[in-house]
């Protein structure tokens, strides 16, 4: 997906718990405006994981972007932390809390997105994911 077709939806967020919900609303607004209802729920889930990771690990301000591209959507979260995310095996957090399992976020993104990645920027990084509209059979 490389060709842009619409102006992106953009939001600047503080690294606070409500950032995930606000970013989800941005995704919903974009999906409804662009008549991509079939991507609404998967895109909200992917965006929630990207924002949650940024809030928890970067702890800096975020810039959340939803872009309409040929074939679907590109979701991006920019933050001020230069450390790139990595896919890891799920496991319990330090301290052994059995219901506080870590490492599912990027695995969920990988399972839903057609592609995802992270790129360094001058001020930190951007983590992105692309979701495609599946062709009808």
C-alpha atoms as a PDB file:
ATOM      1  CA  UNK A   1       0.000   0.000   0.000  1.00  0.00           C
ATOM      2  CA  UNK A   2       1.804   3.103  -1.126  1.00  0.00           C
ATOM      3  CA  UNK A   3      -0.604   5.424  -2.854  1.00  0.00           C
ATOM      4  CA  UNK A   4      -2.449   7.825  -0.546  1.00  0.00           C
ATOM      5  CA  UNK A   5      -6.048   8.630  -1.396  1.00  0.00           C
ATOM      6  CA  UNK A   6      -7.342  10.847   1.413  1.00  0.00           C
ATOM      7  CA  UNK A   7      -6.037  13.302   3.980  1.00  0.00           C
ATOM      8  CA  UNK A   8      -4.898  11.355   7.049  1.00  0.00           C
ATOM      9  CA  UNK A   9      -6.656  11.519  10.396  1.00  0.00           C
ATOM     10  CA  UNK A  10      -4.160  12.707  13.011  1.00  0.00           C
ATOM     11  CA  UNK A  11      -4.236  13.155  16.777  1.00  0.00           C
ATOM     12  CA  UNK A  12      -1.622  14.229  19.345  1.00  0.00           C
ATOM     13  CA  UNK A  13      -1.995  12.372  22.643  1.00  0.00           C
ATOM     14  CA  UNK A  14      -0.427  12.398  26.085  1.00  0.00           C
ATOM     15  CA  UNK A  15       0.942   9.079  27.402  1.00  0.00           C
ATOM     16  CA  UNK A  16      -2.099   8.417  29.574  1.00  0.00           C
ATOM     17  CA  UNK A  17      -4.503   5.454  29.844  1.00  0.00           C
ATOM     18  CA  UNK A  18      -7.280   7.213  27.902  1.00  0.00           C
ATOM     19  CA  UNK A  19      -4.970   7.554  24.867  1.00  0.00           C
ATOM     20  CA  UNK A  20      -5.998   4.073  23.718  1.00  0.00           C
ATOM     21  CA  UNK A  21      -9.683   4.977  23.713  1.00  0.00           C
ATOM     22  CA  UNK A  22      -9.106   8.317  21.981  1.00  0.00           C
ATOM     23  CA  UNK A  23      -7.012   6.660  19.272  1.00  0.00           C
ATOM     24  CA  UNK A  24      -9.740   4.044  18.807  1.00  0.00           C
ATOM     25  CA  UNK A  25     -12.272   6.807  18.244  1.00  0.00           C
ATOM     26  CA  UNK A  26      -9.978   8.338  15.623  1.00  0.00           C
ATOM     27  CA  UNK A  27      -9.788   4.974  13.834  1.00  0.00           C
ATOM     28  CA  UNK A  28     -13.582   4.602  13.961  1.00  0.00           C
ATOM     29  CA  UNK A  29     -14.092   8.117  12.583  1.00  0.00           C
ATOM     30  CA  UNK A  30     -11.721   7.386   9.679  1.00  0.00           C
ATOM     31  CA  UNK A  31     -13.260   3.987   8.905  1.00  0.00           C
ATOM     32  CA  UNK A  32     -16.773   5.408   8.882  1.00  0.00           C
ATOM     33  CA  UNK A  33     -15.810   8.450   6.797  1.00  0.00           C
ATOM     34  CA  UNK A  34     -13.999   6.271   4.260  1.00  0.00           C
ATOM     35  CA  UNK A  35     -16.699   3.557   4.284  1.00  0.00           C
ATOM     36  CA  UNK A  36     -14.257   0.913   5.531  1.00  0.00           C
ATOM     37  CA  UNK A  37     -16.588  -0.554   8.120  1.00  0.00           C
ATOM     38  CA  UNK A  38     -15.110  -4.042   7.649  1.00  0.00           C
ATOM     39  CA  UNK A  39     -11.775  -2.720   8.967  1.00  0.00           C
ATOM     40  CA  UNK A  40     -13.218  -0.812  11.917  1.00  0.00           C
ATOM     41  CA  UNK A  41     -12.884  -3.467  14.643  1.00  0.00           C
ATOM     42  CA  UNK A  42      -9.584  -5.022  13.541  1.00  0.00           C
ATOM     43  CA  UNK A  43      -8.065  -1.557  13.044  1.00  0.00           C
ATOM     44  CA  UNK A  44      -9.243  -0.426  16.483  1.00  0.00           C
ATOM     45  CA  UNK A  45      -7.637  -3.507  18.035  1.00  0.00           C
ATOM     46  CA  UNK A  46      -4.344  -2.962  16.240  1.00  0.00           C
ATOM     47  CA  UNK A  47      -4.292   0.751  17.097  1.00  0.00           C
ATOM     48  CA  UNK A  48      -5.054  -0.052  20.740  1.00  0.00           C
ATOM     49  CA  UNK A  49      -2.029  -2.362  20.901  1.00  0.00           C
ATOM     50  CA  UNK A  50       0.270   0.169  19.219  1.00  0.00           C
ATOM     51  CA  UNK A  51      -0.853   3.000  21.506  1.00  0.00           C
ATOM     52  CA  UNK A  52      -0.752   0.862  24.646  1.00  0.00           C
ATOM     53  CA  UNK A  53       2.829  -0.145  23.849  1.00  0.00           C
ATOM     54  CA  UNK A  54       3.821   3.477  23.317  1.00  0.00           C
ATOM     55  CA  UNK A  55       2.117   4.656  26.508  1.00  0.00           C
ATOM     56  CA  UNK A  56       3.674   1.891  28.572  1.00  0.00           C
ATOM     57  CA  UNK A  57       7.177   1.741  27.117  1.00  0.00           C
ATOM     58  CA  UNK A  58       7.928   5.148  25.567  1.00  0.00           C
ATOM     59  CA  UNK A  59       6.073   7.287  28.128  1.00  0.00           C
ATOM     60  CA  UNK A  60       6.319  10.302  25.811  1.00  0.00           C
ATOM     61  CA  UNK A  61       3.773  12.252  23.819  1.00  0.00           C
ATOM     62  CA  UNK A  62       2.296  10.374  20.856  1.00  0.00           C
ATOM     63  CA  UNK A  63       1.224  11.289  17.355  1.00  0.00           C
ATOM     64  CA  UNK A  64      -1.383   8.848  16.057  1.00  0.00           C
ATOM     65  CA  UNK A  65      -2.152   8.743  12.336  1.00  0.00           C
ATOM     66  CA  UNK A  66      -4.733   6.844  10.272  1.00  0.00           C
ATOM     67  CA  UNK A  67      -4.117   6.991   6.529  1.00  0.00           C
ATOM     68  CA  UNK A  68      -6.287   5.657   3.703  1.00  0.00           C
ATOM     69  CA  UNK A  69      -4.193   3.798   1.162  1.00  0.00           C
ATOM     70  CA  UNK A  70      -4.913   1.608  -1.812  1.00  0.00           C
ATOM     71  CA  UNK A  71      -6.239  -1.605  -0.377  1.00  0.00           C
ATOM     72  CA  UNK A  72      -6.946  -0.464   3.155  1.00  0.00           C
ATOM     73  CA  UNK A  73      -5.482   1.513   6.049  1.00  0.00           C
ATOM     74  CA  UNK A  74      -2.103   2.408   7.465  1.00  0.00           C
ATOM     75  CA  UNK A  75      -2.029   3.030  11.211  1.00  0.00           C
ATOM     76  CA  UNK A  76       0.984   4.726  12.782  1.00  0.00           C
ATOM     77  CA  UNK A  77       2.046   5.777  16.265  1.00  0.00           C
ATOM     78  CA  UNK A  78       5.063   8.055  16.656  1.00  0.00           C
ATOM     79  CA  UNK A  79       6.685   8.563  20.052  1.00  0.00           C
ATOM     80  CA  UNK A  80       9.860  10.031  21.526  1.00  0.00           C
ATOM     81  CA  UNK A  81      11.583   6.781  22.501  1.00  0.00           C
ATOM     82  CA  UNK A  82      14.253   5.546  20.064  1.00  0.00           C
ATOM     83  CA  UNK A  83      14.008   1.900  21.211  1.00  0.00           C
ATOM     84  CA  UNK A  84      12.347  -0.170  18.480  1.00  0.00           C
ATOM     85  CA  UNK A  85       9.757  -2.766  19.528  1.00  0.00           C
ATOM     86  CA  UNK A  86      10.456  -6.438  19.040  1.00  0.00           C
ATOM     87  CA  UNK A  87       8.213  -9.443  18.787  1.00  0.00           C
ATOM     88  CA  UNK A  88       8.676 -11.687  21.806  1.00  0.00           C
ATOM     89  CA  UNK A  89       7.189 -14.813  23.301  1.00  0.00           C
ATOM     90  CA  UNK A  90       4.439 -14.126  25.849  1.00  0.00           C
ATOM     91  CA  UNK A  91       5.392 -14.555  29.479  1.00  0.00           C
ATOM     92  CA  UNK A  92       4.423 -13.364  32.942  1.00  0.00           C
ATOM     93  CA  UNK A  93       5.634  -9.995  34.179  1.00  0.00           C
ATOM     94  CA  UNK A  94       8.430  -9.879  36.676  1.00  0.00           C
ATOM     95  CA  UNK A  95       7.043 -10.933  40.003  1.00  0.00           C
ATOM     96  CA  UNK A  96       5.168 -13.899  38.574  1.00  0.00           C
ATOM     97  CA  UNK A  97       1.621 -12.488  38.595  1.00  0.00           C
ATOM     98  CA  UNK A  98      -0.202 -15.318  36.764  1.00  0.00           C
ATOM     99  CA  UNK A  99      -2.875 -13.126  35.131  1.00  0.00           C
ATOM    100  CA  UNK A 100      -0.529 -10.341  34.085  1.00  0.00           C
ATOM    101  CA  UNK A 101       0.953 -11.956  30.986  1.00  0.00           C
ATOM    102  CA  UNK A 102       3.185  -9.825  28.770  1.00  0.00           C
ATOM    103  CA  UNK A 103       4.126 -10.039  25.096  1.00  0.00           C
ATOM    104  CA  UNK A 104       0.770 -10.521  23.380  1.00  0.00           C
ATOM    105  CA  UNK A 105       0.474  -7.001  21.914  1.00  0.00           C
ATOM    106  CA  UNK A 106       2.713  -7.231  18.863  1.00  0.00           C
ATOM    107  CA  UNK A 107       1.680 -10.839  18.311  1.00  0.00           C
ATOM    108  CA  UNK A 108      -1.929  -9.606  18.041  1.00  0.00           C
ATOM    109  CA  UNK A 109      -0.809  -6.874  15.630  1.00  0.00           C
ATOM    110  CA  UNK A 110       1.066  -9.402  13.507  1.00  0.00           C
ATOM    111  CA  UNK A 111      -1.944 -11.742  13.444  1.00  0.00           C
ATOM    112  CA  UNK A 112      -4.339  -9.039  12.195  1.00  0.00           C
ATOM    113  CA  UNK A 113      -2.175  -6.745  10.060  1.00  0.00           C
ATOM    114  CA  UNK A 114      -1.011  -7.461   6.521  1.00  0.00           C
ATOM    115  CA  UNK A 115       2.318  -5.907   7.536  1.00  0.00           C
ATOM    116  CA  UNK A 116       3.800  -3.991  10.450  1.00  0.00           C
ATOM    117  CA  UNK A 117       7.126  -2.476  11.362  1.00  0.00           C
ATOM    118  CA  UNK A 118       9.015   0.240  13.169  1.00  0.00           C
ATOM    119  CA  UNK A 119      11.344   2.931  11.898  1.00  0.00           C
ATOM    120  CA  UNK A 120      13.647   5.276  13.768  1.00  0.00           C
ATOM    121  CA  UNK A 121      12.989   9.004  13.464  1.00  0.00           C
ATOM    122  CA  UNK A 122      15.016  12.038  14.519  1.00  0.00           C
ATOM    123  CA  UNK A 123      12.926  12.333  17.678  1.00  0.00           C
ATOM    124  CA  UNK A 124      12.197   8.664  18.471  1.00  0.00           C
ATOM    125  CA  UNK A 125      10.387   6.143  16.306  1.00  0.00           C
ATOM    126  CA  UNK A 126       7.194   5.388  14.432  1.00  0.00           C
ATOM    127  CA  UNK A 127       5.501   2.001  14.682  1.00  0.00           C
ATOM    128  CA  UNK A 128       3.062   1.238  11.872  1.00  0.00           C
ATOM    129  CA  UNK A 129       0.666  -1.447  10.702  1.00  0.00           C
ATOM    130  CA  UNK A 130      -1.239  -1.916   7.449  1.00  0.00           C
ATOM    131  CA  UNK A 131      -4.653  -3.545   7.254  1.00  0.00           C
ATOM    132  CA  UNK A 132      -6.113  -4.636   3.942  1.00  0.00           C
ATOM    133  CA  UNK A 133      -9.660  -5.069   2.743  1.00  0.00           C
ATOM    134  CA  UNK A 134     -10.017  -8.735   1.889  1.00  0.00           C
ATOM    135  CA  UNK A 135     -11.381  -9.387  -1.600  1.00  0.00           C
ATOM    136  CA  UNK A 136     -14.870 -10.861  -1.792  1.00  0.00           C
ATOM    137  CA  UNK A 137     -15.106 -14.479  -2.898  1.00  0.00           C
END
